[in-house]
Amino acid sequence: GYPLGLIYFNKVAKEKFEVLDGQQRITSIGRYVTGK
């Protein structure tokens, strides 16, 4: 239940985003949830 800190998205279009800061954390989460 610890916070992961702020994550920043760049909004490049309506409902389209790029990760500005936090891609290491997001990739870690996604890799774990998908069994990597």
PDB file of all heavy atoms in Angstrom:
ATOM      1  N   GLY A   1       0.792  -1.224   0.000  1.00  0.00           N
ATOM      2  CA  GLY A   1       0.000   0.000   0.000  1.00  0.00           C
ATOM      3  C   GLY A   1       0.819   1.266   0.000  1.00  0.00           C
ATOM      4  O   GLY A   1       0.309   2.355   0.299  1.00  0.00           O
ATOM      5  N   TYR A   2       2.118   1.157  -0.348  1.00  0.00           N
ATOM      6  CA  TYR A   2       2.971   2.338  -0.396  1.00  0.00           C
ATOM      7  C   TYR A   2       2.723   3.113  -1.689  1.00  0.00           C
ATOM      8  O   TYR A   2       2.491   2.511  -2.746  1.00  0.00           O
ATOM      9  CB  TYR A   2       4.445   1.952  -0.341  1.00  0.00           C
ATOM     10  CG  TYR A   2       4.875   1.244   0.925  1.00  0.00           C
ATOM     11  CD1 TYR A   2       6.066   0.529   0.967  1.00  0.00           C
ATOM     12  CD2 TYR A   2       4.110   1.311   2.093  1.00  0.00           C
ATOM     13  CE1 TYR A   2       6.486  -0.128   2.113  1.00  0.00           C
ATOM     14  CE2 TYR A   2       4.523   0.665   3.248  1.00  0.00           C
ATOM     15  CZ  TYR A   2       5.705  -0.054   3.252  1.00  0.00           C
ATOM     16  OH  TYR A   2       6.106  -0.701   4.391  1.00  0.00           O
ATOM     17  N   PRO A   3       2.783   4.435  -1.651  1.00  0.00           N
ATOM     18  CA  PRO A   3       2.629   5.218  -2.886  1.00  0.00           C
ATOM     19  C   PRO A   3       3.844   5.046  -3.799  1.00  0.00           C
ATOM     20  O   PRO A   3       4.983   4.896  -3.335  1.00  0.00           O
ATOM     21  CB  PRO A   3       2.524   6.657  -2.378  1.00  0.00           C
ATOM     22  CG  PRO A   3       3.237   6.650  -1.059  1.00  0.00           C
ATOM     23  CD  PRO A   3       2.976   5.293  -0.464  1.00  0.00           C
ATOM     24  N   LEU A   4       3.599   5.067  -5.096  1.00  0.00           N
ATOM     25  CA  LEU A   4       4.689   4.926  -6.074  1.00  0.00           C
ATOM     26  C   LEU A   4       5.235   6.271  -6.534  1.00  0.00           C
ATOM     27  O   LEU A   4       6.146   6.327  -7.349  1.00  0.00           O
ATOM     28  CB  LEU A   4       4.208   4.144  -7.303  1.00  0.00           C
ATOM     29  CG  LEU A   4       3.847   2.681  -7.083  1.00  0.00           C
ATOM     30  CD1 LEU A   4       3.491   2.041  -8.418  1.00  0.00           C
ATOM     31  CD2 LEU A   4       4.986   1.922  -6.418  1.00  0.00           C
ATOM     32  N   GLY A   5       4.669   7.346  -6.017  1.00  0.00           N
ATOM     33  CA  GLY A   5       5.126   8.666  -6.439  1.00  0.00           C
ATOM     34  C   GLY A   5       4.342   9.157  -7.646  1.00  0.00           C
ATOM     35  O   GLY A   5       3.577   8.420  -8.269  1.00  0.00           O
ATOM     36  N   LEU A   6       4.555  10.410  -7.979  1.00  0.00           N
ATOM     37  CA  LEU A   6       3.841  11.016  -9.098  1.00  0.00           C
ATOM     38  C   LEU A   6       4.301  10.441 -10.435  1.00  0.00           C
ATOM     39  O   LEU A   6       5.480  10.152 -10.621  1.00  0.00           O
ATOM     40  CB  LEU A   6       4.060  12.529  -9.097  1.00  0.00           C
ATOM     41  CG  LEU A   6       3.341  13.328  -7.996  1.00  0.00           C
ATOM     42  CD1 LEU A   6       3.813  14.773  -8.009  1.00  0.00           C
ATOM     43  CD2 LEU A   6       1.833  13.258  -8.183  1.00  0.00           C
ATOM     44  N   ILE A   7       3.342  10.296 -11.323  1.00  0.00           N
ATOM     45  CA  ILE A   7       3.597   9.859 -12.698  1.00  0.00           C
ATOM     46  C   ILE A   7       3.053  10.956 -13.615  1.00  0.00           C
ATOM     47  O   ILE A   7       2.021  11.575 -13.320  1.00  0.00           O
ATOM     48  CB  ILE A   7       2.909   8.511 -12.984  1.00  0.00           C
ATOM     49  CG1 ILE A   7       3.577   7.397 -12.154  1.00  0.00           C
ATOM     50  CG2 ILE A   7       2.938   8.175 -14.473  1.00  0.00           C
ATOM     51  CD1 ILE A   7       2.859   6.067 -12.199  1.00  0.00           C
ATOM     52  N   TYR A   8       3.767  11.228 -14.690  1.00  0.00           N
ATOM     53  CA  TYR A   8       3.365  12.301 -15.596  1.00  0.00           C
ATOM     54  C   TYR A   8       3.092  11.752 -16.992  1.00  0.00           C
ATOM     55  O   TYR A   8       3.908  11.007 -17.554  1.00  0.00           O
ATOM     56  CB  TYR A   8       4.463  13.370 -15.688  1.00  0.00           C
ATOM     57  CG  TYR A   8       4.668  14.160 -14.413  1.00  0.00           C
ATOM     58  CD1 TYR A   8       5.442  13.657 -13.378  1.00  0.00           C
ATOM     59  CD2 TYR A   8       4.084  15.417 -14.253  1.00  0.00           C
ATOM     60  CE1 TYR A   8       5.629  14.375 -12.207  1.00  0.00           C
ATOM     61  CE2 TYR A   8       4.267  16.153 -13.091  1.00  0.00           C
ATOM     62  CZ  TYR A   8       5.038  15.625 -12.068  1.00  0.00           C
ATOM     63  OH  TYR A   8       5.223  16.351 -10.905  1.00  0.00           O
ATOM     64  N   PHE A   9       1.918  12.134 -17.537  1.00  0.00           N
ATOM     65  CA  PHE A   9       1.562  11.793 -18.914  1.00  0.00           C
ATOM     66  C   PHE A   9       1.560  13.070 -19.754  1.00  0.00           C
ATOM     67  O   PHE A   9       1.150  14.136 -19.279  1.00  0.00           O
ATOM     68  CB  PHE A   9       0.153  11.185 -18.995  1.00  0.00           C
ATOM     69  CG  PHE A   9       0.028   9.799 -18.445  1.00  0.00           C
ATOM     70  CD1 PHE A   9      -1.223   9.184 -18.365  1.00  0.00           C
ATOM     71  CD2 PHE A   9       1.136   9.088 -17.993  1.00  0.00           C
ATOM     72  CE1 PHE A   9      -1.365   7.901 -17.857  1.00  0.00           C
ATOM     73  CE2 PHE A   9       1.011   7.805 -17.477  1.00  0.00           C
ATOM     74  CZ  PHE A   9      -0.245   7.216 -17.402  1.00  0.00           C
ATOM     75  N   ASN A  10       2.007  12.952 -20.973  1.00  0.00           N
ATOM     76  CA  ASN A  10       1.882  14.030 -21.950  1.00  0.00           C
ATOM     77  C   ASN A  10       0.643  13.749 -22.799  1.00  0.00           C
ATOM     78  O   ASN A  10       0.566  12.722 -23.470  1.00  0.00           O
ATOM     79  CB  ASN A  10       3.132  14.094 -22.828  1.00  0.00           C
ATOM     80  CG  ASN A  10       2.995  15.081 -23.967  1.00  0.00           C
ATOM     81  OD1 ASN A  10       2.247  16.060 -23.866  1.00  0.00           O
ATOM     82  ND2 ASN A  10       3.711  14.841 -25.060  1.00  0.00           N
ATOM     83  N   LYS A  11      -0.333  14.650 -22.782  1.00  0.00           N
ATOM     84  CA  LYS A  11      -1.541  14.474 -23.579  1.00  0.00           C
ATOM     85  C   LYS A  11      -1.265  14.968 -24.989  1.00  0.00           C
ATOM     86  O   LYS A  11      -1.091  16.162 -25.225  1.00  0.00           O
ATOM     87  CB  LYS A  11      -2.709  15.253 -22.964  1.00  0.00           C
ATOM     88  CG  LYS A  11      -4.054  14.983 -23.629  1.00  0.00           C
ATOM     89  CD  LYS A  11      -5.181  15.676 -22.875  1.00  0.00           C
ATOM     90  CE  LYS A  11      -6.534  15.345 -23.502  1.00  0.00           C
ATOM     91  NZ  LYS A  11      -7.641  16.006 -22.762  1.00  0.00           N
ATOM     92  N   VAL A  12      -1.177  14.033 -25.934  1.00  0.00           N
ATOM     93  CA  VAL A  12      -0.798  14.388 -27.297  1.00  0.00           C
ATOM     94  C   VAL A  12      -2.016  14.576 -28.202  1.00  0.00           C
ATOM     95  O   VAL A  12      -1.933  15.180 -29.276  1.00  0.00           O
ATOM     96  CB  VAL A  12       0.143  13.322 -27.903  1.00  0.00           C
ATOM     97  CG1 VAL A  12       1.469  13.314 -27.159  1.00  0.00           C
ATOM     98  CG2 VAL A  12      -0.491  11.938 -27.878  1.00  0.00           C
ATOM     99  N   ALA A  13      -3.167  14.058 -27.803  1.00  0.00           N
ATOM    100  CA  ALA A  13      -4.419  14.204 -28.550  1.00  0.00           C
ATOM    101  C   ALA A  13      -5.543  13.775 -27.618  1.00  0.00           C
ATOM    102  O   ALA A  13      -5.305  13.333 -26.484  1.00  0.00           O
ATOM    103  CB  ALA A  13      -4.414  13.347 -29.819  1.00  0.00           C
ATOM    104  N   LYS A  14      -6.788  13.878 -28.071  1.00  0.00           N
ATOM    105  CA  LYS A  14      -7.905  13.473 -27.240  1.00  0.00           C
ATOM    106  C   LYS A  14      -7.812  11.980 -26.940  1.00  0.00           C
ATOM    107  O   LYS A  14      -7.739  11.139 -27.837  1.00  0.00           O
ATOM    108  CB  LYS A  14      -9.227  13.783 -27.948  1.00  0.00           C
ATOM    109  CG  LYS A  14     -10.451  13.505 -27.075  1.00  0.00           C
ATOM    110  CD  LYS A  14     -11.737  13.880 -27.773  1.00  0.00           C
ATOM    111  CE  LYS A  14     -12.940  13.605 -26.888  1.00  0.00           C
ATOM    112  NZ  LYS A  14     -14.212  13.986 -27.554  1.00  0.00           N
ATOM    113  N   GLU A  15      -7.724  11.659 -25.657  1.00  0.00           N
ATOM    114  CA  GLU A  15      -7.620  10.272 -25.203  1.00  0.00           C
ATOM    115  C   GLU A  15      -6.368   9.565 -25.727  1.00  0.00           C
ATOM    116  O   GLU A  15      -6.352   8.342 -25.882  1.00  0.00           O
ATOM    117  CB  GLU A  15      -8.873   9.470 -25.596  1.00  0.00           C
ATOM    118  CG  GLU A  15     -10.145   9.938 -24.918  1.00  0.00           C
ATOM    119  CD  GLU A  15     -10.081   9.805 -23.399  1.00  0.00           C
ATOM    120  OE1 GLU A  15      -9.846   8.690 -22.913  1.00  0.00           O
ATOM    121  OE2 GLU A  15     -10.239  10.833 -22.713  1.00  0.00           O
ATOM    122  N   LYS A  16      -5.310  10.322 -25.983  1.00  0.00           N
ATOM    123  CA  LYS A  16      -4.022   9.749 -26.394  1.00  0.00           C
ATOM    124  C   LYS A  16      -2.927  10.362 -25.532  1.00  0.00           C
ATOM    125  O   LYS A  16      -2.812  11.589 -25.446  1.00  0.00           O
ATOM    126  CB  LYS A  16      -3.736  10.015 -27.878  1.00  0.00           C
ATOM    127  CG  LYS A  16      -4.612   9.217 -28.829  1.00  0.00           C
ATOM    128  CD  LYS A  16      -4.266   7.726 -28.794  1.00  0.00           C
ATOM    129  CE  LYS A  16      -5.086   6.924 -29.798  1.00  0.00           C
ATOM    130  NZ  LYS A  16      -4.784   5.478 -29.745  1.00  0.00           N
ATOM    131  N   PHE A  17      -2.121   9.483 -24.911  1.00  0.00           N
ATOM    132  CA  PHE A  17      -1.113   9.963 -23.975  1.00  0.00           C
ATOM    133  C   PHE A  17       0.242   9.293 -24.223  1.00  0.00           C
ATOM    134  O   PHE A  17       0.314   8.196 -24.776  1.00  0.00           O
ATOM    135  CB  PHE A  17      -1.552   9.666 -22.527  1.00  0.00           C
ATOM    136  CG  PHE A  17      -2.922  10.173 -22.185  1.00  0.00           C
ATOM    137  CD1 PHE A  17      -4.034   9.336 -22.307  1.00  0.00           C
ATOM    138  CD2 PHE A  17      -3.107  11.473 -21.754  1.00  0.00           C
ATOM    139  CE1 PHE A  17      -5.306   9.787 -21.996  1.00  0.00           C
ATOM    140  CE2 PHE A  17      -4.376  11.938 -21.445  1.00  0.00           C
ATOM    141  CZ  PHE A  17      -5.475  11.098 -21.563  1.00  0.00           C
ATOM    142  N   GLU A  18       1.296   9.974 -23.775  1.00  0.00           N
ATOM    143  CA  GLU A  18       2.645   9.402 -23.717  1.00  0.00           C
ATOM    144  C   GLU A  18       3.143   9.537 -22.286  1.00  0.00           C
ATOM    145  O   GLU A  18       2.828  10.517 -21.601  1.00  0.00           O
ATOM    146  CB  GLU A  18       3.610  10.154 -24.643  1.00  0.00           C
ATOM    147  CG  GLU A  18       3.332  10.024 -26.116  1.00  0.00           C
ATOM    148  CD  GLU A  18       4.314  10.839 -26.956  1.00  0.00           C
ATOM    149  OE1 GLU A  18       5.002  11.724 -26.372  1.00  0.00           O
ATOM    150  OE2 GLU A  18       4.389  10.603 -28.172  1.00  0.00           O
ATOM    151  N   VAL A  19       3.920   8.563 -21.831  1.00  0.00           N
ATOM    152  CA  VAL A  19       4.497   8.654 -20.495  1.00  0.00           C
ATOM    153  C   VAL A  19       5.685   9.611 -20.533  1.00  0.00           C
ATOM    154  O   VAL A  19       6.635   9.418 -21.293  1.00  0.00           O
ATOM    155  CB  VAL A  19       4.963   7.271 -19.982  1.00  0.00           C
ATOM    156  CG1 VAL A  19       5.654   7.426 -18.626  1.00  0.00           C
ATOM    157  CG2 VAL A  19       3.793   6.312 -19.870  1.00  0.00           C
ATOM    158  N   LEU A  20       5.606  10.654 -19.706  1.00  0.00           N
ATOM    159  CA  LEU A  20       6.729  11.584 -19.567  1.00  0.00           C
ATOM    160  C   LEU A  20       7.673  11.113 -18.465  1.00  0.00           C
ATOM    161  O   LEU A  20       8.876  11.074 -18.633  1.00  0.00           O
ATOM    162  CB  LEU A  20       6.208  12.982 -19.210  1.00  0.00           C
ATOM    163  CG  LEU A  20       5.931  13.956 -20.345  1.00  0.00           C
ATOM    164  CD1 LEU A  20       5.349  15.245 -19.781  1.00  0.00           C
ATOM    165  CD2 LEU A  20       7.201  14.258 -21.122  1.00  0.00           C
ATOM    166  N   ASP A  21       7.105  10.801 -17.321  1.00  0.00           N
ATOM    167  CA  ASP A  21       7.898  10.345 -16.178  1.00  0.00           C
ATOM    168  C   ASP A  21       7.131   9.235 -15.479  1.00  0.00           C
ATOM    169  O   ASP A  21       5.983   9.414 -15.082  1.00  0.00           O
ATOM    170  CB  ASP A  21       8.132  11.510 -15.205  1.00  0.00           C
ATOM    171  CG  ASP A  21       9.013  11.110 -14.032  1.00  0.00           C
ATOM    172  OD1 ASP A  21       9.708  10.090 -14.145  1.00  0.00           O
ATOM    173  OD2 ASP A  21       8.995  11.818 -13.010  1.00  0.00           O
ATOM    174  N   GLY A  22       7.764   8.063 -15.354  1.00  0.00           N
ATOM    175  CA  GLY A  22       7.122   6.927 -14.702  1.00  0.00           C
ATOM    176  C   GLY A  22       7.099   5.673 -15.533  1.00  0.00           C
ATOM    177  O   GLY A  22       6.524   4.663 -15.130  1.00  0.00           O
ATOM    178  N   GLN A  23       7.746   5.705 -16.707  1.00  0.00           N
ATOM    179  CA  GLN A  23       7.672   4.518 -17.578  1.00  0.00           C
ATOM    180  C   GLN A  23       8.357   3.305 -16.966  1.00  0.00           C
ATOM    181  O   GLN A  23       7.928   2.175 -17.193  1.00  0.00           O
ATOM    182  CB  GLN A  23       8.220   4.822 -18.980  1.00  0.00           C
ATOM    183  CG  GLN A  23       9.708   5.071 -19.067  1.00  0.00           C
ATOM    184  CD  GLN A  23      10.481   3.901 -19.653  1.00  0.00           C
ATOM    185  OE1 GLN A  23       9.950   2.799 -19.771  1.00  0.00           O
ATOM    186  NE2 GLN A  23      11.730   4.139 -19.996  1.00  0.00           N
ATOM    187  N   GLN A  24       9.391   3.509 -16.145  1.00  0.00           N
ATOM    188  CA  GLN A  24      10.037   2.367 -15.498  1.00  0.00           C
ATOM    189  C   GLN A  24       9.063   1.682 -14.534  1.00  0.00           C
ATOM    190  O   GLN A  24       8.951   0.457 -14.497  1.00  0.00           O
ATOM    191  CB  GLN A  24      11.289   2.824 -14.744  1.00  0.00           C
ATOM    192  CG  GLN A  24      12.340   3.518 -15.598  1.00  0.00           C
ATOM    193  CD  GLN A  24      13.123   2.562 -16.470  1.00  0.00           C
ATOM    194  OE1 GLN A  24      13.272   1.391 -16.154  1.00  0.00           O
ATOM    195  NE2 GLN A  24      13.641   3.053 -17.585  1.00  0.00           N
ATOM    196  N   ARG A  25       8.340   2.500 -13.757  1.00  0.00           N
ATOM    197  CA  ARG A  25       7.383   1.949 -12.797  1.00  0.00           C
ATOM    198  C   ARG A  25       6.192   1.296 -13.505  1.00  0.00           C
ATOM    199  O   ARG A  25       5.757   0.200 -13.140  1.00  0.00           O
ATOM    200  CB  ARG A  25       6.910   3.068 -11.859  1.00  0.00           C
ATOM    201  CG  ARG A  25       7.966   3.480 -10.829  1.00  0.00           C
ATOM    202  CD  ARG A  25       7.609   4.793 -10.169  1.00  0.00           C
ATOM    203  NE  ARG A  25       7.895   5.928 -11.051  1.00  0.00           N
ATOM    204  CZ  ARG A  25       7.464   7.175 -10.832  1.00  0.00           C
ATOM    205  NH1 ARG A  25       6.700   7.432  -9.788  1.00  0.00           N
ATOM    206  NH2 ARG A  25       7.792   8.149 -11.663  1.00  0.00           N
ATOM    207  N   ILE A  26       5.679   1.968 -14.525  1.00  0.00           N
ATOM    208  CA  ILE A  26       4.537   1.420 -15.269  1.00  0.00           C
ATOM    209  C   ILE A  26       4.912   0.115 -15.964  1.00  0.00           C
ATOM    210  O   ILE A  26       4.162  -0.866 -15.942  1.00  0.00           O
ATOM    211  CB  ILE A  26       4.017   2.455 -16.286  1.00  0.00           C
ATOM    212  CG1 ILE A  26       3.270   3.567 -15.550  1.00  0.00           C
ATOM    213  CG2 ILE A  26       3.098   1.806 -17.323  1.00  0.00           C
ATOM    214  CD1 ILE A  26       2.818   4.700 -16.441  1.00  0.00           C
ATOM    215  N   THR A  27       6.093   0.084 -16.560  1.00  0.00           N
ATOM    216  CA  THR A  27       6.536  -1.133 -17.244  1.00  0.00           C
ATOM    217  C   THR A  27       6.730  -2.272 -16.243  1.00  0.00           C
ATOM    218  O   THR A  27       6.395  -3.426 -16.525  1.00  0.00           O
ATOM    219  CB  THR A  27       7.837  -0.887 -18.033  1.00  0.00           C
ATOM    220  OG1 THR A  27       7.633   0.199 -18.948  1.00  0.00           O
ATOM    221  CG2 THR A  27       8.255  -2.117 -18.816  1.00  0.00           C
ATOM    222  N   SER A  28       7.263  -1.948 -15.069  1.00  0.00           N
ATOM    223  CA  SER A  28       7.422  -2.971 -14.021  1.00  0.00           C
ATOM    224  C   SER A  28       6.071  -3.572 -13.649  1.00  0.00           C
ATOM    225  O   SER A  28       5.924  -4.801 -13.537  1.00  0.00           O
ATOM    226  CB  SER A  28       8.072  -2.355 -12.776  1.00  0.00           C
ATOM    227  OG  SER A  28       9.382  -1.908 -13.041  1.00  0.00           O
ATOM    228  N   ILE A  29       5.075  -2.708 -13.436  1.00  0.00           N
ATOM    229  CA  ILE A  29       3.732  -3.184 -13.074  1.00  0.00           C
ATOM    230  C   ILE A  29       3.163  -4.068 -14.185  1.00  0.00           C
ATOM    231  O   ILE A  29       2.656  -5.175 -13.938  1.00  0.00           O
ATOM    232  CB  ILE A  29       2.801  -1.984 -12.816  1.00  0.00           C
ATOM    233  CG1 ILE A  29       3.271  -1.199 -11.586  1.00  0.00           C
ATOM    234  CG2 ILE A  29       1.362  -2.464 -12.632  1.00  0.00           C
ATOM    235  CD1 ILE A  29       2.598   0.150 -11.437  1.00  0.00           C
ATOM    236  N   GLY A  30       3.235  -3.577 -15.424  1.00  0.00           N
ATOM    237  CA  GLY A  30       2.689  -4.338 -16.546  1.00  0.00           C
ATOM    238  C   GLY A  30       3.387  -5.661 -16.756  1.00  0.00           C
ATOM    239  O   GLY A  30       2.746  -6.684 -17.046  1.00  0.00           O
ATOM    240  N   ARG A  31       4.700  -5.664 -16.590  1.00  0.00           N
ATOM    241  CA  ARG A  31       5.463  -6.903 -16.754  1.00  0.00           C
ATOM    242  C   ARG A  31       5.057  -7.921 -15.691  1.00  0.00           C
ATOM    243  O   ARG A  31       4.963  -9.123 -15.966  1.00  0.00           O
ATOM    244  CB  ARG A  31       6.969  -6.609 -16.661  1.00  0.00           C
ATOM    245  CG  ARG A  31       7.582  -6.186 -17.981  1.00  0.00           C
ATOM    246  CD  ARG A  31       9.028  -5.683 -17.825  1.00  0.00           C
ATOM    247  NE  ARG A  31       9.847  -6.525 -16.975  1.00  0.00           N
ATOM    248  CZ  ARG A  31      10.467  -7.640 -17.357  1.00  0.00           C
ATOM    249  NH1 ARG A  31      10.330  -8.071 -18.599  1.00  0.00           N
ATOM    250  NH2 ARG A  31      11.217  -8.326 -16.508  1.00  0.00           N
ATOM    251  N   TYR A  32       4.823  -7.444 -14.470  1.00  0.00           N
ATOM    252  CA  TYR A  32       4.457  -8.391 -13.413  1.00  0.00           C
ATOM    253  C   TYR A  32       3.051  -8.951 -13.629  1.00  0.00           C
ATOM    254  O   TYR A  32       2.831 -10.167 -13.554  1.00  0.00           O
ATOM    255  CB  TYR A  32       4.553  -7.728 -12.042  1.00  0.00           C
ATOM    256  CG  TYR A  32       4.278  -8.705 -10.918  1.00  0.00           C
ATOM    257  CD1 TYR A  32       5.171  -9.747 -10.654  1.00  0.00           C
ATOM    258  CD2 TYR A  32       3.122  -8.620 -10.148  1.00  0.00           C
ATOM    259  CE1 TYR A  32       4.922 -10.673  -9.651  1.00  0.00           C
ATOM    260  CE2 TYR A  32       2.865  -9.534  -9.141  1.00  0.00           C
ATOM    261  CZ  TYR A  32       3.774 -10.563  -8.903  1.00  0.00           C
ATOM    262  OH  TYR A  32       3.518 -11.484  -7.918  1.00  0.00           O
ATOM    263  N   VAL A  33       2.107  -8.080 -13.910  1.00  0.00           N
ATOM    264  CA  VAL A  33       0.721  -8.514 -14.083  1.00  0.00           C
ATOM    265  C   VAL A  33       0.573  -9.467 -15.263  1.00  0.00           C
ATOM    266  O   VAL A  33      -0.270 -10.368 -15.250  1.00  0.00           O
ATOM    267  CB  VAL A  33      -0.208  -7.285 -14.239  1.00  0.00           C
ATOM    268  CG1 VAL A  33      -1.622  -7.701 -14.637  1.00  0.00           C
ATOM    269  CG2 VAL A  33      -0.253  -6.492 -12.931  1.00  0.00           C
ATOM    270  N   THR A  34       1.422  -9.305 -16.283  1.00  0.00           N
ATOM    271  CA  THR A  34       1.345 -10.184 -17.466  1.00  0.00           C
ATOM    272  C   THR A  34       2.311 -11.362 -17.374  1.00  0.00           C
ATOM    273  O   THR A  34       2.567 -12.037 -18.375  1.00  0.00           O
ATOM    274  CB  THR A  34       1.614  -9.382 -18.750  1.00  0.00           C
ATOM    275  OG1 THR A  34       2.885  -8.707 -18.649  1.00  0.00           O
ATOM    276  CG2 THR A  34       0.523  -8.354 -18.998  1.00  0.00           C
ATOM    277  N   GLY A  35       2.873 -11.609 -16.180  1.00  0.00           N
ATOM    278  CA  GLY A  35       3.652 -12.825 -15.950  1.00  0.00           C
ATOM    279  C   GLY A  35       5.067 -12.835 -16.479  1.00  0.00           C
ATOM    280  O   GLY A  35       5.629 -13.905 -16.706  1.00  0.00           O
ATOM    281  N   LYS A  36       5.678 -11.649 -16.625  1.00  0.00           N
ATOM    282  CA  LYS A  36       7.042 -11.599 -17.166  1.00  0.00           C
ATOM    283  C   LYS A  36       8.120 -11.845 -16.112  1.00  0.00           C
ATOM    284  O   LYS A  36       9.260 -12.161 -16.435  1.00  0.00           O
ATOM    285  CB  LYS A  36       7.296 -10.248 -17.840  1.00  0.00           C
ATOM    286  CG  LYS A  36       6.368  -9.927 -19.014  1.00  0.00           C
ATOM    287  CD  LYS A  36       6.552 -10.897 -20.149  1.00  0.00           C
ATOM    288  CE  LYS A  36       5.782 -10.480 -21.396  1.00  0.00           C
ATOM    289  NZ  LYS A  36       4.320 -10.425 -21.187  1.00  0.00           N
TER     290      LYS A  36
END
